[in-house]
Amino acid sequence: MCIGKIIRLGRITENGKMICVPMDHGVSMGPIKGLKEIYGTIEKIEKGGATSIIVHKGVLRNLEKPPNLGLIMHLSASTDLSLKPNFKVQVSSIEEAIRLGADAVSVHVNIGAKNEHEMLVKLGRVADECDRFGLPLIAMMYARGEKIKDKFSPSTVSHITRIAGELGADIVKTTYTGTVASFKKVVESSLVPVVIAGGPKQETVEDVFKMVKGAMDAGAAGITFGRNIFQAENPTLLLKCLRMIILENASVKEALEAFKNE
């Protein structure tokens, strides 16, 4: 790996672990709770100790000051209003990400969708450009589309995770398969570090902690949680407790006690 990527990976992780908050939902879902006042939410996330955020270029352009965390610019987009919401298109470039001060970029690919082939072309092309400029690439890989029978299937998640590494990603974000044993197979078959997506907002904080602990015990490199963090009542406190699990190997019980005591 080139020195530029090593330096920038250090800006979006801590001790090799990622605690990332994707906030690109404004394009796909609109100004949902937690993102209506996105810059205020970013401040709360920064105080909580996240290692990085994922945002679109417009959010970076309008930052009043750079936050003390890694900046990942998302290059993919689609909307829930589209006839093809699973078809993610490229909406910016590596050069623009560098110009805006991003430390890395991310690309979203839905495997199993009708336009999968076009998204794979995009992933491969962006990976080549990232190598050229020494910019880390996070691939968001999901099993979504007409051919997918079970998006949580360990074999399916292992496959889509492997694709990311094979095509040049430096970190892959994917779905947690539900158990330590099944997700360990995903992690072991991946060519690059694996971080888990949060998906829809969980019912309880304990559910969030259990998912994170399971993934970390399976060998994951961290999390990329959006709604489960930025829609929380107290994102700052939640992140501090997640740091306990991810960086200090705390138990779910210990994290819950810290959360309740605060």
Protein backbone atom coordinates (compact mmCIF):
# COMPACT_ATOMS: atom_id res chain seq x y z
CA MET A 1 0.00 0.00 0.00
CA CYS A 2 1.33 3.44 -0.91
CA ILE A 3 2.35 5.90 1.80
CA GLY A 4 -0.45 8.33 0.90
CA LYS A 5 -3.11 5.71 1.62
CA ILE A 6 -1.43 4.72 4.88
CA ILE A 7 -1.39 8.33 6.10
CA ARG A 8 -5.01 8.97 5.11
CA LEU A 9 -6.26 5.68 6.56
CA GLY A 10 -4.79 6.85 9.84
CA ARG A 11 -7.00 9.94 9.63
CA ILE A 12 -10.25 7.98 9.32
CA THR A 13 -9.42 5.27 11.86
CA GLU A 14 -7.94 5.00 15.36
CA ASN A 15 -5.55 2.19 16.20
CA GLY A 16 -6.75 0.45 13.04
CA LYS A 17 -10.42 0.60 14.09
CA MET A 18 -13.16 2.61 12.40
CA ILE A 19 -16.06 4.35 14.13
CA CYS A 20 -17.66 6.03 11.16
CA VAL A 21 -21.00 7.81 10.87
CA PRO A 22 -22.43 7.88 7.32
CA MET A 23 -24.56 10.98 6.78
CA ASP A 24 -25.26 10.70 3.06
CA HIS A 25 -28.96 9.92 3.60
CA GLY A 26 -30.06 13.44 2.64
CA VAL A 27 -29.81 12.47 -1.03
CA SER A 28 -31.44 9.06 -0.79
CA MET A 29 -34.06 9.77 1.90
CA GLY A 30 -34.25 13.55 2.24
CA PRO A 31 -33.73 15.74 5.34
CA ILE A 32 -34.64 13.06 7.86
CA LYS A 33 -34.35 13.34 11.65
CA GLY A 34 -30.77 14.00 12.67
CA LEU A 35 -29.79 15.48 9.33
CA LYS A 36 -32.07 18.53 9.12
CA GLU A 37 -29.41 20.47 11.04
CA ILE A 38 -26.50 18.37 9.80
CA TYR A 39 -23.69 20.62 11.01
CA GLY A 40 -25.00 20.58 14.57
CA THR A 41 -25.14 16.80 14.38
CA ILE A 42 -21.57 16.67 13.10
CA GLU A 43 -20.46 18.62 16.18
CA LYS A 44 -22.16 16.06 18.44
CA ILE A 45 -20.51 13.22 16.54
CA GLU A 46 -17.12 14.88 16.81
CA LYS A 47 -17.54 15.26 20.60
CA GLY A 48 -18.48 11.59 20.88
CA GLY A 49 -15.18 10.49 19.39
CA ALA A 50 -16.15 9.15 15.96
CA THR A 51 -13.12 8.55 13.78
CA SER A 52 -14.83 9.72 10.59
CA ILE A 53 -18.02 10.70 8.79
CA ILE A 54 -19.28 10.02 5.27
CA VAL A 55 -20.96 12.94 3.51
CA HIS A 56 -21.66 14.22 0.02
CA LYS A 57 -19.61 16.99 -1.59
CA GLY A 58 -22.16 19.71 -0.85
CA VAL A 59 -21.81 19.15 2.88
CA LEU A 60 -18.02 19.46 2.64
CA ARG A 61 -18.28 22.63 0.56
CA ASN A 62 -20.41 24.33 3.21
CA LEU A 63 -18.42 23.40 6.32
CA GLU A 64 -17.62 26.53 8.31
CA LYS A 65 -14.62 24.83 9.91
CA PRO A 66 -13.02 21.40 9.51
CA PRO A 67 -14.13 19.01 12.26
CA ASN A 68 -11.57 17.02 14.21
CA LEU A 69 -12.34 13.73 12.50
CA GLY A 70 -11.74 12.04 9.19
CA LEU A 71 -13.74 13.17 6.16
CA ILE A 72 -14.95 10.60 3.63
CA MET A 73 -16.71 11.92 0.55
CA HIS A 74 -19.41 9.69 -0.91
CA LEU A 75 -19.36 9.32 -4.69
CA SER A 76 -22.60 7.35 -5.15
CA ALA A 77 -26.24 8.38 -5.18
CA SER A 78 -29.82 7.33 -5.85
CA THR A 79 -33.11 8.38 -4.30
CA ASP A 80 -36.08 6.60 -2.78
CA LEU A 81 -38.18 8.48 -5.34
CA SER A 82 -36.45 6.75 -8.26
CA LEU A 83 -37.84 3.95 -10.39
CA LYS A 84 -34.47 2.25 -9.78
CA PRO A 85 -33.50 3.10 -6.18
CA ASN A 86 -30.98 0.23 -6.09
CA PHE A 87 -29.04 1.66 -9.03
CA LYS A 88 -26.29 3.84 -7.57
CA VAL A 89 -24.68 6.27 -10.00
CA GLN A 90 -21.44 8.21 -9.62
CA VAL A 91 -22.04 11.87 -8.77
CA SER A 92 -18.53 13.22 -8.19
CA SER A 93 -14.85 12.55 -8.76
CA ILE A 94 -11.62 11.74 -6.96
CA GLU A 95 -10.22 15.12 -7.97
CA GLU A 96 -13.18 16.92 -6.37
CA ALA A 97 -12.76 14.90 -3.17
CA ILE A 98 -9.09 15.90 -2.97
CA ARG A 99 -9.92 19.54 -3.74
CA LEU A 100 -12.46 19.60 -0.90
CA GLY A 101 -9.99 18.09 1.58
CA ALA A 102 -11.49 14.60 1.90
CA ASP A 103 -9.31 11.91 3.46
CA ALA A 104 -11.03 9.08 1.58
CA VAL A 105 -13.98 8.32 -0.70
CA SER A 106 -16.77 5.76 -0.63
CA VAL A 107 -18.73 3.97 -3.33
CA HIS A 108 -22.02 2.05 -2.94
CA VAL A 109 -22.67 -1.16 -4.90
CA ASN A 110 -25.84 -3.27 -4.73
CA ILE A 111 -25.05 -6.82 -5.79
CA GLY A 112 -28.00 -8.69 -7.27
CA ALA A 113 -29.63 -5.59 -8.74
CA LYS A 114 -30.40 -5.29 -12.46
CA ASN A 115 -27.69 -2.66 -12.92
CA GLU A 116 -25.08 -4.51 -10.88
CA HIS A 117 -22.71 -4.65 -13.85
CA GLU A 118 -22.65 -0.87 -14.20
CA MET A 119 -21.97 -0.39 -10.49
CA LEU A 120 -19.10 -2.89 -10.66
CA VAL A 121 -17.57 -0.93 -13.53
CA LYS A 122 -17.80 2.19 -11.37
CA LEU A 123 -16.20 0.44 -8.39
CA GLY A 124 -13.27 -0.81 -10.45
CA ARG A 125 -12.71 2.54 -12.12
CA VAL A 126 -12.81 4.49 -8.85
CA ALA A 127 -10.43 2.00 -7.22
CA ASP A 128 -7.89 2.59 -10.01
CA GLU A 129 -8.18 6.36 -9.58
CA CYS A 130 -7.80 6.06 -5.80
CA ASP A 131 -4.60 4.06 -6.26
CA ARG A 132 -3.30 6.74 -8.61
CA PHE A 133 -3.83 9.52 -6.05
CA GLY A 134 -3.16 7.56 -2.85
CA LEU A 135 -6.72 7.99 -1.59
CA PRO A 136 -8.39 5.20 0.46
CA LEU A 137 -11.59 3.68 -0.91
CA ILE A 138 -14.43 2.37 1.23
CA ALA A 139 -16.79 0.08 -0.68
CA MET A 140 -20.34 -0.17 0.65
CA MET A 141 -21.43 -3.62 -0.49
CA TYR A 142 -25.03 -4.77 -0.09
CA ALA A 143 -27.02 -7.76 -1.32
CA ARG A 144 -30.02 -5.93 -2.75
CA GLY A 145 -31.98 -6.75 -5.82
CA GLU A 146 -34.15 -9.18 -7.69
CA LYS A 147 -31.76 -12.15 -7.38
CA ILE A 148 -31.22 -11.88 -3.63
CA LYS A 149 -33.21 -14.35 -1.53
CA ASP A 150 -31.56 -13.69 1.85
CA LYS A 151 -29.47 -10.54 2.30
CA PHE A 152 -28.13 -11.89 5.63
CA SER A 153 -26.92 -15.22 4.21
CA PRO A 154 -23.27 -15.70 5.31
CA SER A 155 -22.33 -17.14 1.92
CA THR A 156 -23.92 -14.19 0.10
CA VAL A 157 -22.37 -11.59 2.41
CA SER A 158 -18.99 -13.35 2.10
CA HIS A 159 -19.30 -13.16 -1.68
CA ILE A 160 -20.18 -9.47 -1.86
CA THR A 161 -17.47 -8.65 0.67
CA ARG A 162 -14.88 -10.54 -1.34
CA ILE A 163 -15.85 -8.60 -4.47
CA ALA A 164 -14.83 -5.32 -2.83
CA GLY A 165 -11.31 -6.51 -2.04
CA GLU A 166 -10.88 -8.20 -5.42
CA LEU A 167 -11.79 -4.97 -7.24
CA GLY A 168 -9.51 -2.72 -5.22
CA ALA A 169 -11.29 -1.36 -2.14
CA ASP A 170 -9.26 -0.70 1.01
CA ILE A 171 -12.14 -1.18 3.48
CA VAL A 172 -15.48 -2.89 2.91
CA LYS A 173 -18.72 -1.98 4.65
CA THR A 174 -21.33 -4.71 4.66
CA THR A 175 -24.25 -6.28 6.50
CA TYR A 176 -23.80 -8.07 9.82
CA THR A 177 -24.99 -11.66 9.43
CA GLY A 178 -26.40 -11.97 12.95
CA THR A 179 -23.96 -14.21 14.83
CA VAL A 180 -20.28 -14.19 15.72
CA ALA A 181 -19.67 -17.55 14.06
CA SER A 182 -21.33 -16.64 10.75
CA PHE A 183 -19.71 -13.21 10.52
CA LYS A 184 -16.30 -14.62 11.35
CA LYS A 185 -16.52 -16.53 8.07
CA VAL A 186 -17.21 -13.24 6.26
CA VAL A 187 -14.22 -11.52 7.87
CA GLU A 188 -11.86 -14.43 7.27
CA SER A 189 -12.73 -14.62 3.57
CA SER A 190 -12.29 -10.90 2.95
CA LEU A 191 -9.11 -9.47 1.43
CA VAL A 192 -9.50 -6.16 3.31
CA PRO A 193 -10.76 -4.97 6.73
CA VAL A 194 -14.52 -5.33 7.21
CA VAL A 195 -16.79 -2.84 9.00
CA ILE A 196 -20.49 -3.36 9.58
CA ALA A 197 -23.45 -1.25 8.51
CA GLY A 198 -26.09 -0.32 11.05
CA GLY A 199 -29.10 -0.55 8.76
CA PRO A 200 -32.50 0.67 10.03
CA LYS A 201 -32.58 2.17 13.51
CA GLN A 202 -32.50 -0.55 16.18
CA GLU A 203 -35.21 -0.65 18.84
CA THR A 204 -32.89 -0.32 21.84
CA VAL A 205 -29.38 0.79 22.70
CA GLU A 206 -28.70 -2.74 23.95
CA ASP A 207 -29.54 -4.09 20.47
CA VAL A 208 -26.97 -1.72 19.00
CA PHE A 209 -24.30 -2.74 21.50
CA LYS A 210 -24.96 -6.45 20.98
CA MET A 211 -24.58 -6.12 17.21
CA VAL A 212 -21.34 -4.18 17.56
CA LYS A 213 -19.90 -6.57 20.14
CA GLY A 214 -20.75 -9.57 17.97
CA ALA A 215 -19.08 -8.04 14.94
CA MET A 216 -15.95 -7.08 16.87
CA ASP A 217 -15.68 -10.55 18.42
CA ALA A 218 -15.85 -11.94 14.89
CA GLY A 219 -12.88 -9.81 13.82
CA ALA A 220 -14.52 -6.75 12.31
CA ALA A 221 -12.50 -3.54 12.07
CA GLY A 222 -15.33 -1.35 13.33
CA ILE A 223 -18.64 0.17 12.34
CA THR A 224 -20.26 2.57 9.90
CA PHE A 225 -23.53 3.42 11.66
CA GLY A 226 -25.79 6.16 10.36
CA ARG A 227 -29.35 6.32 11.71
CA ASN A 228 -28.49 4.34 14.83
CA ILE A 229 -26.18 7.19 15.80
CA PHE A 230 -27.37 10.45 14.27
CA GLN A 231 -31.01 9.71 15.16
CA ALA A 232 -30.14 8.75 18.74
CA GLU A 233 -31.35 10.95 21.60
CA ASN A 234 -27.74 11.55 22.59
CA PRO A 235 -25.32 10.73 19.74
CA THR A 236 -22.33 11.98 21.75
CA LEU A 237 -22.96 9.62 24.67
CA LEU A 238 -23.77 6.69 22.41
CA LEU A 239 -20.51 7.12 20.52
CA LYS A 240 -18.51 7.28 23.75
CA CYS A 241 -19.99 3.93 24.78
CA LEU A 242 -19.40 2.42 21.34
CA ARG A 243 -15.77 3.45 21.63
CA MET A 244 -15.59 1.35 24.80
CA ILE A 245 -16.65 -1.75 22.88
CA ILE A 246 -14.63 -1.11 19.72
CA LEU A 247 -11.41 0.31 21.13
CA GLU A 248 -11.33 -1.05 24.69
CA ASN A 249 -13.01 -4.45 24.18
CA ALA A 250 -15.66 -3.62 26.79
CA SER A 251 -18.61 -5.96 27.23
CA VAL A 252 -22.20 -5.09 26.36
CA LYS A 253 -22.95 -4.93 30.08
CA GLU A 254 -20.11 -2.49 30.73
CA ALA A 255 -21.17 -0.26 27.84
CA LEU A 256 -24.80 -0.30 29.01
CA GLU A 257 -23.80 0.62 32.54
CA ALA A 258 -21.74 3.54 31.27
CA PHE A 259 -24.65 4.65 29.08
CA LYS A 260 -27.18 4.49 31.93
CA ASN A 261 -24.91 6.08 34.52
CA GLU A 262 -24.19 9.04 32.29
